N, C-alpha and C. Protein backbone atom coordinates (compact mmCIF):
# COMPACT_ATOMS: atom_id res chain seq x y z
N MET A 1 93.53 125.24 113.62
CA MET A 1 92.66 124.51 112.54
C MET A 1 93.09 123.10 112.54
N THR A 2 92.12 121.87 112.45
CA THR A 2 92.61 120.37 112.58
C THR A 2 92.89 120.31 110.82
N GLU A 3 93.52 119.05 110.49
CA GLU A 3 93.80 118.73 109.46
C GLU A 3 92.40 118.61 108.59
N ARG A 4 91.29 118.03 109.21
CA ARG A 4 90.18 117.78 108.54
C ARG A 4 89.62 119.15 108.00
N GLU A 5 89.52 120.02 108.89
CA GLU A 5 89.08 121.62 108.39
C GLU A 5 90.07 122.10 107.40
N ALA A 6 91.32 121.88 107.63
CA ALA A 6 92.03 122.58 106.38
C ALA A 6 91.66 121.84 104.87
N VAL A 7 91.60 120.39 105.06
CA VAL A 7 91.28 119.84 103.71
C VAL A 7 89.65 120.32 103.49
N GLU A 8 89.01 120.35 104.15
CA GLU A 8 87.62 120.80 103.76
C GLU A 8 87.69 122.20 103.41
N ASN A 9 88.18 123.33 103.88
CA ASN A 9 88.50 124.45 103.31
C ASN A 9 89.03 124.51 102.11
N LEU A 10 89.92 123.64 101.74
CA LEU A 10 90.81 123.61 100.57
C LEU A 10 89.73 122.87 99.44
N ALA A 11 89.14 121.83 99.80
CA ALA A 11 88.15 121.13 99.12
C ALA A 11 87.09 122.28 98.53
N HIS A 12 86.43 123.20 99.45
CA HIS A 12 85.60 124.17 99.16
C HIS A 12 86.01 125.10 98.32
N ALA A 13 87.29 125.14 98.46
CA ALA A 13 87.71 126.29 97.46
C ALA A 13 88.46 125.98 96.16
N ILE A 14 88.52 124.77 96.10
CA ILE A 14 88.99 124.40 94.69
C ILE A 14 88.17 123.15 94.19
N GLY A 15 87.18 122.48 94.95
CA GLY A 15 86.53 121.18 94.70
C GLY A 15 87.10 120.24 95.11
N TYR A 16 86.26 119.26 95.68
CA TYR A 16 86.87 118.03 96.25
C TYR A 16 87.52 117.24 95.08
N GLY A 17 86.93 117.15 93.83
CA GLY A 17 87.48 116.08 93.10
C GLY A 17 89.03 116.58 92.57
N ARG A 18 89.15 117.89 92.60
CA ARG A 18 90.56 118.69 92.15
C ARG A 18 91.53 118.07 93.58
N VAL A 19 91.02 118.39 94.65
CA VAL A 19 91.86 117.96 95.80
C VAL A 19 92.35 116.53 95.64
N MET A 20 91.58 115.66 95.31
CA MET A 20 91.84 114.31 95.18
C MET A 20 92.64 113.95 94.13
N GLN A 21 92.44 114.58 92.89
CA GLN A 21 92.91 114.52 91.71
C GLN A 21 94.45 114.90 92.18
N ILE A 22 94.81 116.20 92.66
CA ILE A 22 96.00 116.63 93.06
C ILE A 22 96.80 115.60 93.84
N CYS A 23 96.12 115.05 94.87
CA CYS A 23 96.56 114.25 95.87
C CYS A 23 97.23 112.82 95.23
N MET A 24 96.60 112.44 94.21
CA MET A 24 96.76 111.20 93.30
C MET A 24 97.99 111.54 92.59
N GLU A 25 98.07 112.56 91.94
CA GLU A 25 99.05 113.09 91.13
C GLU A 25 100.45 113.20 91.84
N LEU A 26 100.38 114.08 93.26
CA LEU A 26 101.63 114.24 93.99
C LEU A 26 102.13 112.52 94.26
N TRP A 27 100.99 112.11 95.08
CA TRP A 27 101.56 110.54 95.52
C TRP A 27 102.05 109.62 94.22
N ARG A 28 101.54 109.83 93.30
CA ARG A 28 102.25 109.19 92.05
C ARG A 28 103.68 109.59 91.86
N ALA A 29 103.97 110.89 92.08
CA ALA A 29 105.23 111.47 91.84
C ALA A 29 106.27 111.03 92.71
N ASP A 30 105.76 110.91 93.98
CA ASP A 30 106.77 110.89 95.09
C ASP A 30 106.76 109.28 95.10
N LEU A 31 105.97 108.47 94.46
CA LEU A 31 106.28 107.01 94.39
C LEU A 31 107.42 106.82 93.50
N ALA A 32 107.19 107.40 92.45
CA ALA A 32 107.91 107.14 91.08
C ALA A 32 109.15 107.48 91.44
N ARG A 33 109.63 108.53 92.31
CA ARG A 33 110.86 108.85 93.01
C ARG A 33 111.67 107.74 93.80
N ILE A 34 110.95 106.89 94.17
CA ILE A 34 111.57 106.20 95.10
C ILE A 34 111.47 104.32 94.46
N GLY A 35 110.71 104.52 93.27
CA GLY A 35 110.53 103.15 92.39
C GLY A 35 109.54 102.52 92.75
N CYS A 36 108.62 103.04 92.95
CA CYS A 36 107.27 102.24 93.36
C CYS A 36 106.18 102.89 92.86
N GLU A 37 106.31 102.87 91.38
CA GLU A 37 105.20 103.26 90.41
C GLU A 37 104.04 102.36 90.57
N GLY A 38 102.85 102.89 90.45
CA GLY A 38 101.82 102.30 90.47
C GLY A 38 101.13 101.80 91.88
N ALA A 39 101.68 102.48 92.89
CA ALA A 39 101.39 102.25 94.00
C ALA A 39 100.17 103.03 94.93
N GLU A 40 100.11 104.11 93.87
CA GLU A 40 99.14 105.21 94.61
C GLU A 40 97.80 104.78 94.36
N LEU A 41 96.91 105.56 95.56
CA LEU A 41 95.67 105.37 95.18
C LEU A 41 95.22 105.95 93.89
N THR A 42 94.00 105.32 93.17
CA THR A 42 93.45 105.98 92.32
C THR A 42 91.90 106.52 92.22
N LEU A 43 91.50 107.22 91.53
CA LEU A 43 90.35 107.73 91.54
C LEU A 43 89.50 107.09 90.22
N GLY A 44 88.16 106.97 90.07
CA GLY A 44 87.29 106.74 89.27
C GLY A 44 86.09 107.46 89.15
N PRO A 45 85.15 107.09 88.34
CA PRO A 45 84.05 107.86 88.19
C PRO A 45 83.17 107.89 89.80
N CYS A 46 82.16 109.03 89.67
CA CYS A 46 81.71 109.12 90.98
C CYS A 46 80.57 108.02 91.19
N ALA A 47 80.14 107.74 91.99
CA ALA A 47 79.32 106.62 92.33
C ALA A 47 78.06 106.72 91.50
N ALA A 48 77.40 107.94 91.20
CA ALA A 48 76.13 108.16 90.36
C ALA A 48 76.53 107.62 89.18
N MET A 49 77.56 107.33 88.58
CA MET A 49 77.83 106.70 87.00
C MET A 49 78.16 105.22 87.30
N MET A 50 77.76 104.64 88.43
CA MET A 50 78.38 103.33 88.46
C MET A 50 77.21 102.44 88.72
N VAL A 51 77.16 101.23 88.35
CA VAL A 51 76.06 100.05 88.70
C VAL A 51 76.96 99.22 89.48
N PRO A 52 76.06 98.09 89.89
CA PRO A 52 76.88 97.04 90.71
C PRO A 52 77.31 96.16 89.96
N CYS A 53 78.42 95.68 89.96
CA CYS A 53 79.11 94.69 89.54
C CYS A 53 78.52 93.34 89.69
N ARG A 54 78.24 92.43 88.61
CA ARG A 54 77.50 91.42 88.88
C ARG A 54 78.58 90.38 88.01
N HIS A 55 80.00 90.51 88.03
CA HIS A 55 80.62 89.31 87.62
C HIS A 55 80.97 88.38 88.38
N PRO A 56 81.32 87.43 88.19
CA PRO A 56 81.46 86.09 89.44
C PRO A 56 82.94 86.65 90.23
N VAL A 57 82.87 86.13 91.46
CA VAL A 57 83.76 86.10 92.33
C VAL A 57 85.14 85.18 91.75
N THR A 58 86.38 85.63 91.66
CA THR A 58 87.40 85.13 91.16
C THR A 58 88.46 84.61 92.26
N ASP A 59 88.24 85.13 93.37
CA ASP A 59 89.43 84.76 94.43
C ASP A 59 88.86 84.50 95.71
N ALA A 60 89.84 84.10 96.50
CA ALA A 60 89.48 83.58 97.95
C ALA A 60 89.04 84.98 98.55
N ASN A 61 89.02 86.14 98.35
CA ASN A 61 88.99 87.44 98.95
C ASN A 61 87.63 87.77 98.52
N GLY A 62 86.88 87.36 97.71
CA GLY A 62 85.69 87.58 97.29
C GLY A 62 85.83 88.89 96.29
N HIS A 63 86.79 89.03 95.33
CA HIS A 63 87.11 90.01 94.67
C HIS A 63 86.87 89.13 93.18
N CYS A 64 86.41 90.27 92.26
CA CYS A 64 86.47 89.68 90.57
C CYS A 64 87.48 90.34 90.03
N LYS A 65 87.86 89.82 88.71
CA LYS A 65 88.91 90.61 87.77
C LYS A 65 88.40 92.02 87.61
N VAL A 66 86.88 92.02 87.35
CA VAL A 66 86.43 93.23 86.77
C VAL A 66 86.33 94.35 87.47
N CYS A 67 86.12 94.35 89.03
CA CYS A 67 85.84 95.17 89.64
C CYS A 67 86.75 95.42 91.09
N CYS A 68 87.92 94.48 91.05
CA CYS A 68 88.82 94.24 92.13
C CYS A 68 88.27 94.31 93.32
N GLY A 69 86.92 93.91 93.53
CA GLY A 69 86.31 93.86 94.89
C GLY A 69 85.34 94.91 95.40
N VAL A 70 85.34 96.04 94.51
CA VAL A 70 84.78 97.43 94.57
C VAL A 70 83.38 96.95 94.77
N GLY A 71 82.82 96.44 93.84
CA GLY A 71 81.47 95.97 93.49
C GLY A 71 80.84 96.85 92.79
N ARG A 72 81.35 97.81 92.23
CA ARG A 72 80.75 98.74 91.24
C ARG A 72 81.38 99.05 89.91
N VAL A 73 80.94 99.22 88.66
CA VAL A 73 81.70 99.44 87.67
C VAL A 73 80.81 100.49 86.71
N THR A 74 81.30 100.80 85.72
CA THR A 74 80.68 101.78 85.02
C THR A 74 79.28 100.80 84.09
N LYS A 75 78.39 101.45 83.79
CA LYS A 75 77.64 100.67 83.13
C LYS A 75 78.09 100.09 81.60
N TRP A 76 79.01 100.69 80.90
CA TRP A 76 79.60 100.18 79.88
C TRP A 76 80.31 98.85 80.35
N VAL A 77 81.10 98.83 81.29
CA VAL A 77 81.56 97.65 81.80
C VAL A 77 80.87 96.54 82.15
N ALA A 78 79.84 96.93 82.74
CA ALA A 78 78.68 96.15 83.06
C ALA A 78 78.11 95.28 81.76
N GLU A 79 77.82 95.77 80.87
CA GLU A 79 77.33 95.39 79.91
C GLU A 79 78.20 94.65 78.65
N ASN A 80 79.57 95.04 78.69
CA ASN A 80 80.52 94.64 77.91
C ASN A 80 81.65 93.76 78.23
N VAL A 81 81.79 93.56 79.43
CA VAL A 81 82.93 92.85 79.81
C VAL A 81 82.38 91.79 80.47
N LYS A 82 82.75 90.45 79.94
CA LYS A 82 82.18 89.02 80.62
C LYS A 82 83.03 88.38 81.27
């Protein structure tokens, strides 16, 4: 079985979101043990709950302070953060 197949099987068994949530929690704990808190990948709302970020670009890499370059934010953020 390939790594991809193993992850797919697990995701089908417990849910893709739960797999990602557990991985994030494990990564955070591993990083905390070596003093690198906050370096783990984090997850946010699913794409269906997001809207395009229309905030201005604020750095040379094309990122804004609101979406950090992801290009999408929640509707509430789009409407309430200036």
